[in-house]
């Protein structure tokens, strides 16, 4: 987490944030954490880089307000930066004191939003499975994509195929910058289901009231592989049934 107010820690090219005027780095006062804390009264707060959000919303979210007296350096700035990090919506966050006069300070919140989805494709799945996943994952064009959203998507995909008997699914979600849309990415959800997990043989132990045959019959589609030699009748009945391994939570 970067909470420093030192100029050298600011992005090298602040014009990448947006087209708003920013204070040149050479004109920003250098404030080191080795300095003794001093209280300053906030005279103004400016937001740079978050064009999709209202400034007053972000300023309110920071917990800082014009007229507040804060320590520089101090915990107030650190906590404000942490509030933004916890939301996961920004990939770069800095709060700078762009001007200091006596006991007055002018602050600038510099944010770099995480990218939004311009396109999304699913590879390695059938059409019906893709439709199901689109509904479950709720990944849509125009939505921001964050590490939390990616992790959640992987969990939901794994759960979806786990319920279908695929226990060893490989998932790779790739983001590539869209060359035609600044700040947006093309997302590819690559899925390799691998082989279904099948039951080779089921063993029963301690069943006194019911026979093995009755228990196997009650297990419906969760059954053993076809085995004509060991169990002629059961195997014949199960020849055309799905051999799927499922778990009960």
C-alpha atoms as a PDB file:
ATOM      1  CA  UNK A   1       0.000   0.000   0.000  1.00  0.00           C
ATOM      2  CA  UNK A   2       1.488   3.304  -1.073  1.00  0.00           C
ATOM      3  CA  UNK A   3       0.582   6.036   1.378  1.00  0.00           C
ATOM      4  CA  UNK A   4       3.687   8.133   0.926  1.00  0.00           C
ATOM      5  CA  UNK A   5       3.496  11.784   0.042  1.00  0.00           C
ATOM      6  CA  UNK A   6       6.946  11.798  -1.520  1.00  0.00           C
ATOM      7  CA  UNK A   7       6.967  13.079  -5.083  1.00  0.00           C
ATOM      8  CA  UNK A   8       9.299  10.377  -6.356  1.00  0.00           C
ATOM      9  CA  UNK A   9       6.678   7.712  -5.594  1.00  0.00           C
ATOM     10  CA  UNK A  10       4.087   9.283  -7.914  1.00  0.00           C
ATOM     11  CA  UNK A  11       3.507   7.706 -11.368  1.00  0.00           C
ATOM     12  CA  UNK A  12       6.048   8.834 -13.927  1.00  0.00           C
ATOM     13  CA  UNK A  13       3.355   9.887 -16.380  1.00  0.00           C
ATOM     14  CA  UNK A  14       0.311  11.320 -14.648  1.00  0.00           C
ATOM     15  CA  UNK A  15      -1.258  12.204 -18.011  1.00  0.00           C
ATOM     16  CA  UNK A  16      -2.234   8.529 -18.224  1.00  0.00           C
ATOM     17  CA  UNK A  17      -4.756   9.031 -15.445  1.00  0.00           C
ATOM     18  CA  UNK A  18      -7.001  11.472 -17.292  1.00  0.00           C
ATOM     19  CA  UNK A  19      -6.910  14.759 -19.119  1.00  0.00           C
ATOM     20  CA  UNK A  20      -7.355  16.904 -16.030  1.00  0.00           C
ATOM     21  CA  UNK A  21      -4.620  19.354 -15.153  1.00  0.00           C
ATOM     22  CA  UNK A  22      -2.231  17.950 -12.562  1.00  0.00           C
ATOM     23  CA  UNK A  23       0.483  19.643 -10.580  1.00  0.00           C
ATOM     24  CA  UNK A  24       3.908  19.014 -12.164  1.00  0.00           C
ATOM     25  CA  UNK A  25       6.017  16.761  -9.981  1.00  0.00           C
ATOM     26  CA  UNK A  26       8.722  19.376  -9.678  1.00  0.00           C
ATOM     27  CA  UNK A  27       6.246  21.716  -7.958  1.00  0.00           C
ATOM     28  CA  UNK A  28       4.907  19.218  -5.387  1.00  0.00           C
ATOM     29  CA  UNK A  29       6.468  19.725  -1.958  1.00  0.00           C
ATOM     30  CA  UNK A  30       8.486  16.751  -0.786  1.00  0.00           C
ATOM     31  CA  UNK A  31       7.270  15.326   2.515  1.00  0.00           C
ATOM     32  CA  UNK A  32       9.253  12.461   3.974  1.00  0.00           C
ATOM     33  CA  UNK A  33       8.154  10.088   6.705  1.00  0.00           C
ATOM     34  CA  UNK A  34      11.363  10.882   8.494  1.00  0.00           C
ATOM     35  CA  UNK A  35       9.940  14.360   9.163  1.00  0.00           C
ATOM     36  CA  UNK A  36       8.288  15.158  12.467  1.00  0.00           C
ATOM     37  CA  UNK A  37       4.510  15.012  12.259  1.00  0.00           C
ATOM     38  CA  UNK A  38       2.753  18.302  11.932  1.00  0.00           C
ATOM     39  CA  UNK A  39      -0.941  19.176  11.854  1.00  0.00           C
ATOM     40  CA  UNK A  40      -2.303  20.789   8.718  1.00  0.00           C
ATOM     41  CA  UNK A  41      -5.765  22.057   7.895  1.00  0.00           C
ATOM     42  CA  UNK A  42      -7.106  20.731   4.581  1.00  0.00           C
ATOM     43  CA  UNK A  43      -7.932  23.627   2.251  1.00  0.00           C
ATOM     44  CA  UNK A  44      -8.976  21.645  -0.810  1.00  0.00           C
ATOM     45  CA  UNK A  45      -9.211  18.046  -2.080  1.00  0.00           C
ATOM     46  CA  UNK A  46      -8.955  17.222  -5.769  1.00  0.00           C
ATOM     47  CA  UNK A  47      -9.551  13.843  -7.425  1.00  0.00           C
ATOM     48  CA  UNK A  48      -7.619  12.840 -10.551  1.00  0.00           C
ATOM     49  CA  UNK A  49      -8.025   9.738 -12.689  1.00  0.00           C
ATOM     50  CA  UNK A  50     -11.449   8.353 -11.760  1.00  0.00           C
ATOM     51  CA  UNK A  51     -13.560   9.762 -14.579  1.00  0.00           C
ATOM     52  CA  UNK A  52     -16.352   7.210 -14.081  1.00  0.00           C
ATOM     53  CA  UNK A  53     -17.017   8.302 -10.502  1.00  0.00           C
ATOM     54  CA  UNK A  54     -18.236  11.583  -9.048  1.00  0.00           C
ATOM     55  CA  UNK A  55     -15.500  13.448  -7.180  1.00  0.00           C
ATOM     56  CA  UNK A  56     -17.710  14.181  -4.181  1.00  0.00           C
ATOM     57  CA  UNK A  57     -18.453  10.464  -3.778  1.00  0.00           C
ATOM     58  CA  UNK A  58     -14.772   9.520  -3.774  1.00  0.00           C
ATOM     59  CA  UNK A  59     -13.824  12.373  -1.452  1.00  0.00           C
ATOM     60  CA  UNK A  60     -16.555  11.302   0.947  1.00  0.00           C
ATOM     61  CA  UNK A  61     -15.373   7.716   0.723  1.00  0.00           C
ATOM     62  CA  UNK A  62     -11.814   8.746   1.609  1.00  0.00           C
ATOM     63  CA  UNK A  63     -12.982  10.020   4.995  1.00  0.00           C
ATOM     64  CA  UNK A  64     -11.131  13.287   4.421  1.00  0.00           C
ATOM     65  CA  UNK A  65     -12.923  16.634   4.293  1.00  0.00           C
ATOM     66  CA  UNK A  66     -12.002  20.249   3.678  1.00  0.00           C
ATOM     67  CA  UNK A  67     -11.490  21.876   7.056  1.00  0.00           C
ATOM     68  CA  UNK A  68     -10.203  18.708   8.743  1.00  0.00           C
ATOM     69  CA  UNK A  69      -6.954  18.942  10.657  1.00  0.00           C
ATOM     70  CA  UNK A  70      -4.713  15.964   9.904  1.00  0.00           C
ATOM     71  CA  UNK A  71      -1.161  14.921  10.645  1.00  0.00           C
ATOM     72  CA  UNK A  72       1.251  14.854   7.710  1.00  0.00           C
ATOM     73  CA  UNK A  73       2.686  12.330   7.626  1.00  0.00           C
ATOM     74  CA  UNK A  74       0.035  10.495   9.640  1.00  0.00           C
ATOM     75  CA  UNK A  75      -2.594   7.792  10.006  1.00  0.00           C
ATOM     76  CA  UNK A  76      -5.385   9.773   8.333  1.00  0.00           C
ATOM     77  CA  UNK A  77      -3.753   9.543   4.911  1.00  0.00           C
ATOM     78  CA  UNK A  78      -2.847   5.884   5.412  1.00  0.00           C
ATOM     79  CA  UNK A  79      -6.412   4.964   6.377  1.00  0.00           C
ATOM     80  CA  UNK A  80      -7.843   6.904   3.423  1.00  0.00           C
ATOM     81  CA  UNK A  81      -5.642   4.949   1.000  1.00  0.00           C
ATOM     82  CA  UNK A  82      -6.561   1.654   2.670  1.00  0.00           C
ATOM     83  CA  UNK A  83     -10.263   2.416   2.238  1.00  0.00           C
ATOM     84  CA  UNK A  84      -9.762   2.603  -1.515  1.00  0.00           C
ATOM     85  CA  UNK A  85      -7.617  -0.555  -1.622  1.00  0.00           C
ATOM     86  CA  UNK A  86     -10.241  -2.570   0.220  1.00  0.00           C
ATOM     87  CA  UNK A  87     -12.785  -1.865  -2.512  1.00  0.00           C
ATOM     88  CA  UNK A  88     -10.555  -3.493  -5.132  1.00  0.00           C
ATOM     89  CA  UNK A  89     -11.709  -1.037  -7.818  1.00  0.00           C
ATOM     90  CA  UNK A  90      -8.378   0.722  -8.327  1.00  0.00           C
ATOM     91  CA  UNK A  91      -4.979  -0.598  -9.357  1.00  0.00           C
ATOM     92  CA  UNK A  92      -3.025   2.472  -8.248  1.00  0.00           C
ATOM     93  CA  UNK A  93      -3.851   4.824  -5.372  1.00  0.00           C
ATOM     94  CA  UNK A  94      -1.915   7.824  -4.130  1.00  0.00           C
ATOM     95  CA  UNK A  95      -2.772  10.826  -1.988  1.00  0.00           C
ATOM     96  CA  UNK A  96      -0.407  13.757  -2.416  1.00  0.00           C
ATOM     97  CA  UNK A  97      -0.057  17.104  -0.697  1.00  0.00           C
ATOM     98  CA  UNK A  98       0.330  19.230  -3.804  1.00  0.00           C
ATOM     99  CA  UNK A  99       0.691  22.476  -1.873  1.00  0.00           C
ATOM    100  CA  UNK A 100       1.569  23.445   1.692  1.00  0.00           C
ATOM    101  CA  UNK A 101       1.471  26.973   3.091  1.00  0.00           C
ATOM    102  CA  UNK A 102       2.126  27.451   6.804  1.00  0.00           C
ATOM    103  CA  UNK A 103      -0.344  25.079   8.503  1.00  0.00           C
ATOM    104  CA  UNK A 104      -2.561  24.635   5.427  1.00  0.00           C
ATOM    105  CA  UNK A 105      -2.461  21.757   2.932  1.00  0.00           C
ATOM    106  CA  UNK A 106      -4.018  21.087  -0.470  1.00  0.00           C
ATOM    107  CA  UNK A 107      -4.531  17.382  -1.216  1.00  0.00           C
ATOM    108  CA  UNK A 108      -4.857  15.463  -4.465  1.00  0.00           C
ATOM    109  CA  UNK A 109      -6.232  11.906  -4.664  1.00  0.00           C
ATOM    110  CA  UNK A 110      -4.780  10.135  -7.689  1.00  0.00           C
ATOM    111  CA  UNK A 111      -6.546   6.946  -8.760  1.00  0.00           C
ATOM    112  CA  UNK A 112      -6.133   4.456 -11.587  1.00  0.00           C
ATOM    113  CA  UNK A 113      -9.346   2.408 -12.039  1.00  0.00           C
ATOM    114  CA  UNK A 114      -9.155  -1.289 -12.817  1.00  0.00           C
ATOM    115  CA  UNK A 115     -10.164  -2.130 -16.396  1.00  0.00           C
ATOM    116  CA  UNK A 116     -13.665  -2.866 -17.623  1.00  0.00           C
ATOM    117  CA  UNK A 117     -14.691  -5.821 -19.783  1.00  0.00           C
ATOM    118  CA  UNK A 118     -15.103  -5.076 -23.488  1.00  0.00           C
ATOM    119  CA  UNK A 119     -15.533  -8.693 -24.619  1.00  0.00           C
ATOM    120  CA  UNK A 120     -15.739 -12.067 -22.917  1.00  0.00           C
ATOM    121  CA  UNK A 121     -15.414 -15.525 -24.443  1.00  0.00           C
ATOM    122  CA  UNK A 122     -15.726 -19.033 -23.001  1.00  0.00           C
ATOM    123  CA  UNK A 123     -13.511 -21.769 -24.431  1.00  0.00           C
ATOM    124  CA  UNK A 124     -13.692 -25.516 -23.853  1.00  0.00           C
ATOM    125  CA  UNK A 125     -17.391 -25.763 -22.932  1.00  0.00           C
ATOM    126  CA  UNK A 126     -20.629 -26.580 -24.730  1.00  0.00           C
ATOM    127  CA  UNK A 127     -23.199 -23.956 -25.655  1.00  0.00           C
ATOM    128  CA  UNK A 128     -25.561 -24.917 -22.834  1.00  0.00           C
ATOM    129  CA  UNK A 129     -22.733 -24.887 -20.308  1.00  0.00           C
ATOM    130  CA  UNK A 130     -21.635 -21.451 -21.509  1.00  0.00           C
ATOM    131  CA  UNK A 131     -25.166 -20.124 -21.040  1.00  0.00           C
ATOM    132  CA  UNK A 132     -25.298 -21.532 -17.506  1.00  0.00           C
ATOM    133  CA  UNK A 133     -21.918 -20.053 -16.639  1.00  0.00           C
ATOM    134  CA  UNK A 134     -22.826 -16.633 -18.000  1.00  0.00           C
ATOM    135  CA  UNK A 135     -25.822 -16.577 -15.664  1.00  0.00           C
ATOM    136  CA  UNK A 136     -23.888 -17.826 -12.642  1.00  0.00           C
ATOM    137  CA  UNK A 137     -20.757 -15.701 -13.028  1.00  0.00           C
ATOM    138  CA  UNK A 138     -22.519 -12.464 -13.975  1.00  0.00           C
ATOM    139  CA  UNK A 139     -19.497 -11.297 -15.977  1.00  0.00           C
ATOM    140  CA  UNK A 140     -20.810  -8.655 -18.346  1.00  0.00           C
ATOM    141  CA  UNK A 141     -19.462  -6.164 -20.837  1.00  0.00           C
ATOM    142  CA  UNK A 142     -18.833  -2.846 -19.166  1.00  0.00           C
ATOM    143  CA  UNK A 143     -18.339  -4.378 -15.708  1.00  0.00           C
ATOM    144  CA  UNK A 144     -15.051  -3.841 -13.918  1.00  0.00           C
ATOM    145  CA  UNK A 145     -12.916  -6.911 -13.432  1.00  0.00           C
ATOM    146  CA  UNK A 146     -10.937  -7.288 -10.206  1.00  0.00           C
ATOM    147  CA  UNK A 147      -8.826 -10.062  -8.635  1.00  0.00           C
ATOM    148  CA  UNK A 148     -11.741 -10.814  -6.282  1.00  0.00           C
ATOM    149  CA  UNK A 149     -14.147 -11.236  -9.216  1.00  0.00           C
ATOM    150  CA  UNK A 150     -11.689 -13.546 -11.009  1.00  0.00           C
ATOM    151  CA  UNK A 151     -11.225 -15.712  -7.895  1.00  0.00           C
ATOM    152  CA  UNK A 152     -14.987 -15.889  -7.358  1.00  0.00           C
ATOM    153  CA  UNK A 153     -15.530 -16.892 -11.005  1.00  0.00           C
ATOM    154  CA  UNK A 154     -13.041 -19.757 -10.688  1.00  0.00           C
ATOM    155  CA  UNK A 155     -14.782 -21.040  -7.541  1.00  0.00           C
ATOM    156  CA  UNK A 156     -18.211 -20.970  -9.219  1.00  0.00           C
ATOM    157  CA  UNK A 157     -16.923 -22.670 -12.380  1.00  0.00           C
ATOM    158  CA  UNK A 158     -15.268 -25.415 -10.345  1.00  0.00           C
ATOM    159  CA  UNK A 159     -18.451 -25.937  -8.311  1.00  0.00           C
ATOM    160  CA  UNK A 160     -20.595 -26.065 -11.470  1.00  0.00           C
ATOM    161  CA  UNK A 161     -18.544 -28.818 -13.083  1.00  0.00           C
ATOM    162  CA  UNK A 162     -17.952 -30.599  -9.790  1.00  0.00           C
ATOM    163  CA  UNK A 163     -21.723 -31.125  -9.575  1.00  0.00           C
ATOM    164  CA  UNK A 164     -21.570 -32.662 -13.057  1.00  0.00           C
ATOM    165  CA  UNK A 165     -18.927 -35.175 -12.028  1.00  0.00           C
ATOM    166  CA  UNK A 166     -15.848 -33.315 -13.309  1.00  0.00           C
ATOM    167  CA  UNK A 167     -13.512 -33.147 -10.315  1.00  0.00           C
ATOM    168  CA  UNK A 168     -10.289 -32.091 -12.028  1.00  0.00           C
ATOM    169  CA  UNK A 169     -11.246 -28.969 -13.987  1.00  0.00           C
ATOM    170  CA  UNK A 170      -8.464 -26.626 -15.096  1.00  0.00           C
ATOM    171  CA  UNK A 171      -9.439 -22.953 -15.326  1.00  0.00           C
ATOM    172  CA  UNK A 172      -7.437 -20.079 -16.754  1.00  0.00           C
ATOM    173  CA  UNK A 173      -8.946 -16.595 -16.984  1.00  0.00           C
ATOM    174  CA  UNK A 174      -6.862 -14.350 -19.233  1.00  0.00           C
ATOM    175  CA  UNK A 175      -7.170 -10.564 -19.585  1.00  0.00           C
ATOM    176  CA  UNK A 176      -5.727  -8.775 -22.604  1.00  0.00           C
ATOM    177  CA  UNK A 177      -5.937  -5.021 -23.213  1.00  0.00           C
ATOM    178  CA  UNK A 178      -8.433  -4.132 -25.925  1.00  0.00           C
ATOM    179  CA  UNK A 179      -6.400  -2.261 -28.571  1.00  0.00           C
ATOM    180  CA  UNK A 180      -9.512  -0.353 -29.642  1.00  0.00           C
ATOM    181  CA  UNK A 181     -10.807   0.687 -26.220  1.00  0.00           C
ATOM    182  CA  UNK A 182      -8.666   2.438 -23.653  1.00  0.00           C
ATOM    183  CA  UNK A 183      -9.040   1.100 -20.134  1.00  0.00           C
ATOM    184  CA  UNK A 184     -10.910  -2.036 -21.260  1.00  0.00           C
ATOM    185  CA  UNK A 185      -9.834  -5.657 -21.577  1.00  0.00           C
ATOM    186  CA  UNK A 186     -10.845  -8.741 -23.540  1.00  0.00           C
ATOM    187  CA  UNK A 187     -11.465 -11.610 -21.129  1.00  0.00           C
ATOM    188  CA  UNK A 188     -11.018 -15.247 -22.152  1.00  0.00           C
ATOM    189  CA  UNK A 189     -12.344 -17.921 -19.795  1.00  0.00           C
ATOM    190  CA  UNK A 190     -10.451 -21.087 -20.752  1.00  0.00           C
ATOM    191  CA  UNK A 191     -11.809 -24.313 -19.263  1.00  0.00           C
ATOM    192  CA  UNK A 192     -10.469 -27.848 -19.568  1.00  0.00           C
ATOM    193  CA  UNK A 193     -12.952 -30.231 -17.953  1.00  0.00           C
ATOM    194  CA  UNK A 194     -10.626 -33.243 -18.287  1.00  0.00           C
ATOM    195  CA  UNK A 195     -12.159 -36.692 -17.705  1.00  0.00           C
ATOM    196  CA  UNK A 196     -15.169 -37.297 -15.537  1.00  0.00           C
ATOM    197  CA  UNK A 197     -14.441 -38.907 -12.199  1.00  0.00           C
ATOM    198  CA  UNK A 198     -15.963 -42.389 -12.327  1.00  0.00           C
ATOM    199  CA  UNK A 199     -16.377 -45.051  -9.671  1.00  0.00           C
ATOM    200  CA  UNK A 200     -14.402 -48.225 -10.300  1.00  0.00           C
ATOM    201  CA  UNK A 201     -15.992 -50.270  -7.523  1.00  0.00           C
ATOM    202  CA  UNK A 202     -18.257 -49.717  -4.506  1.00  0.00           C
ATOM    203  CA  UNK A 203     -17.746 -51.673  -1.300  1.00  0.00           C
ATOM    204  CA  UNK A 204     -20.395 -51.994   1.402  1.00  0.00           C
ATOM    205  CA  UNK A 205     -19.606 -52.871   4.980  1.00  0.00           C
ATOM    206  CA  UNK A 206     -21.960 -53.457   7.903  1.00  0.00           C
ATOM    207  CA  UNK A 207     -25.217 -53.600   5.902  1.00  0.00           C
ATOM    208  CA  UNK A 208     -27.354 -56.206   7.707  1.00  0.00           C
ATOM    209  CA  UNK A 209     -30.893 -55.113   6.837  1.00  0.00           C
ATOM    210  CA  UNK A 210     -30.313 -54.485   3.132  1.00  0.00           C
ATOM    211  CA  UNK A 211     -28.376 -56.398   0.500  1.00  0.00           C
ATOM    212  CA  UNK A 212     -25.580 -54.951  -1.606  1.00  0.00           C
ATOM    213  CA  UNK A 213     -27.924 -55.125  -4.599  1.00  0.00           C
ATOM    214  CA  UNK A 214     -30.590 -53.029  -2.836  1.00  0.00           C
ATOM    215  CA  UNK A 215     -28.053 -50.421  -1.779  1.00  0.00           C
ATOM    216  CA  UNK A 216     -26.567 -50.161  -5.260  1.00  0.00           C
ATOM    217  CA  UNK A 217     -30.034 -49.772  -6.731  1.00  0.00           C
ATOM    218  CA  UNK A 218     -30.821 -46.932  -4.295  1.00  0.00           C
ATOM    219  CA  UNK A 219     -27.695 -45.056  -5.374  1.00  0.00           C
ATOM    220  CA  UNK A 220     -29.243 -44.467  -8.822  1.00  0.00           C
ATOM    221  CA  UNK A 221     -26.728 -42.886 -11.167  1.00  0.00           C
ATOM    222  CA  UNK A 222     -23.855 -42.956  -8.720  1.00  0.00           C
ATOM    223  CA  UNK A 223     -22.660 -46.450  -9.542  1.00  0.00           C
ATOM    224  CA  UNK A 224     -19.724 -48.574 -10.526  1.00  0.00           C
ATOM    225  CA  UNK A 225     -18.217 -49.111 -13.929  1.00  0.00           C
ATOM    226  CA  UNK A 226     -19.843 -51.754 -16.128  1.00  0.00           C
ATOM    227  CA  UNK A 227     -18.669 -55.176 -14.950  1.00  0.00           C
ATOM    228  CA  UNK A 228     -20.469 -58.099 -16.555  1.00  0.00           C
ATOM    229  CA  UNK A 229     -18.361 -60.793 -14.892  1.00  0.00           C
ATOM    230  CA  UNK A 230     -18.716 -59.703 -11.260  1.00  0.00           C
ATOM    231  CA  UNK A 231     -22.333 -58.568 -11.307  1.00  0.00           C
ATOM    232  CA  UNK A 232     -24.281 -59.754 -14.353  1.00  0.00           C
ATOM    233  CA  UNK A 233     -27.720 -58.391 -13.401  1.00  0.00           C
ATOM    234  CA  UNK A 234     -26.629 -55.052 -11.980  1.00  0.00           C
ATOM    235  CA  UNK A 235     -24.158 -54.458 -14.770  1.00  0.00           C
ATOM    236  CA  UNK A 236     -26.788 -55.157 -17.415  1.00  0.00           C
ATOM    237  CA  UNK A 237     -29.177 -52.660 -15.800  1.00  0.00           C
ATOM    238  CA  UNK A 238     -26.428 -50.070 -15.458  1.00  0.00           C
ATOM    239  CA  UNK A 239     -24.930 -50.542 -18.912  1.00  0.00           C
ATOM    240  CA  UNK A 240     -26.647 -47.440 -20.311  1.00  0.00           C
ATOM    241  CA  UNK A 241     -26.698 -45.324 -17.143  1.00  0.00           C
ATOM    242  CA  UNK A 242     -24.368 -42.441 -16.442  1.00  0.00           C
ATOM    243  CA  UNK A 243     -21.350 -43.378 -14.348  1.00  0.00           C
ATOM    244  CA  UNK A 244     -20.963 -40.248 -12.253  1.00  0.00           C
ATOM    245  CA  UNK A 245     -19.341 -39.635  -8.904  1.00  0.00           C
ATOM    246  CA  UNK A 246     -21.244 -37.184  -6.742  1.00  0.00           C
ATOM    247  CA  UNK A 247     -20.832 -36.083  -3.151  1.00  0.00           C
ATOM    248  CA  UNK A 248     -23.450 -35.084  -0.613  1.00  0.00           C
ATOM    249  CA  UNK A 249     -22.772 -32.066   1.575  1.00  0.00           C
END
